[in-house]
Amino acid sequence: MRVVICGGGVIGACTAYFLRRLGVDVVIIERTDVAAAASGKAGGFLARDWCAATPLDALARRSFALHAQLPREIAGDWGHRPMSAYSGYVAPDGDPRRNTPSARDWLSDGVVITQRIGTTGTTAIVHPQKFTSAMMNAAIAQGAELRLGRVTGIVRDADGTRAKGVEIEGGIIEADAVVIAMGPWSLLAAQWMSLPAVYGQRSPSIVYDIGPNVPADALFLECETDGSAVSIEVFPRADGSTHVTALSDIAPLPLDPAAVTPERDAITRLQAMSERLSPLFRPEKIIAQQACFRPVTEDGLPLIGAVPQSEALYVATGHNVWGILNAPATGEAMAQLIAEGGTRDVNLAPFGPGRLEPLDPSLLQAR
C-alpha cells in the first residue's frame, strides 16, 4: 500500500511516521519546507486535560501520553519537558498594583499570578519546529520519501469516485490513498473534493533568547493595551528560548505559506506588552518576530477522517491552538484508519468532515 500525504507540517509528519510503523509506503509532498508554517512557529504548549468534557478530550489525553513516550523512541532533542502553568494579570499603568512586587523574581512589579492552572503532571512543552522535523526525519529513516512540490489536483479512477494519486507541477504521483494535511491551505483542496471551509487565524509572536533565567512555567496573563484587555501567553522552552504571543486575528490567507509575514503594528504592540512583563524581554534578546496561520473550522473541531463522496481520500486539519498537542494521536489514528480500516485508541467520529456543510468551490475560485 502506498499513501501520499499532502503537507509537511506536524500533522503530515506524524501521520507519515505512524504509517511507516505499520509498514505502509509513504510519500510526503511539501510545497515550501518541513514545519514552514504554524508547525514551526507555534508555542508548543501541551495540556493533558484542558479539553475535558469536550469531544477533544480523548484525542488530547492520548496525544499527551504519546508526547511523553516519543522521546524514548525517536532520535533527536526537541525539548519535551513537563512544566507548570499559571494565570494572572498585568496591572494597568496608574493602578496602585503596579508597585506590587511580583511573586516571580524574573517578572516585573505589577505582574500578578493568581492561580496555578497546570502541573508538571498535566502540562508540558516541546519546541514545535524541532519536534516536527524529528518526526519527519524518523519517518524518512524508516523509508518514507519527502518531495518538494505543489499539489495541483487529485487523480481519480475512471468513475471519478476513488483517489488514485495526486497531480503535482511536473507530473503525477500514484497512490492507493491520499491525505490532505495542509493546515489552513487545506482550503485549496475544496477545489478538488467535498470539504468544509477551513479558515486561517493569524497569530503573531516574538521569540526571546534569555537562556536558563526563566523557570519552566507557562503564563496566561491578561494585559491592558490601547484601552482593551488582551490575553498574552508566555512559553519558556528547554533550549533557553521563550515564545510570547498575543493579538490573534482573522486575516486573508496568502496563497504561498512562504509569504506569511507578521503585521508590523501587531509586533510593535506585542513587544511593548512583553517589555512590561519582564526586564529580561529586551530588544537585543529577540531572535524571531513572526506570524503563523492556525487552521480553524466553523465549529472549532478539527477535520479528521475520510472525505465524503470519495474513496481512499482523507483529511486531517483544523486543529486550531491544539495542533502541536494533538498531532501524535491524530497521526496514529489516521494511520490506523487508512491501513487497518479503523482506530484503536481514539474515536474519530466527532471529527468526521461530513458533519459540516462542504464549501462551494465557486466561492473559493472567486477569492
Foldseek 3Di string as FASTA:
>chain_A
DEEEEEAQELQSLLLLLLLLVVVYAYEYEHAPDHNLFCLQAAQFKAFQAPQPPHQCNLLLNVLVVVLVVVVVPFDDAFFKFFFWEFEWAADDPPDPQQQACEPDPQWHRRTYTDGTDGGSVTMIGTNRRRVSVRSNVSSVVSPYHYDHWDWDEFDADPVRFETQFTDTVPGTDGGRAYEYEHFQLCQVCLLHAFFAHKFWKKKKKWKFQLAPPDDQYKYWYWYDDPRDTWTKIWGQGPRRMIIIITDIGGDDDDNDSVPFFDDPVRQVRRLVVVVNTGVSSDPVRTDDTGMHIGIAGPVRAWAFAAGPSHHRYTYTYHNGSCCSSSSNSSSNQNSCCNPPVGGDRHDCVVRHRVVDGTDDVVVVVVD
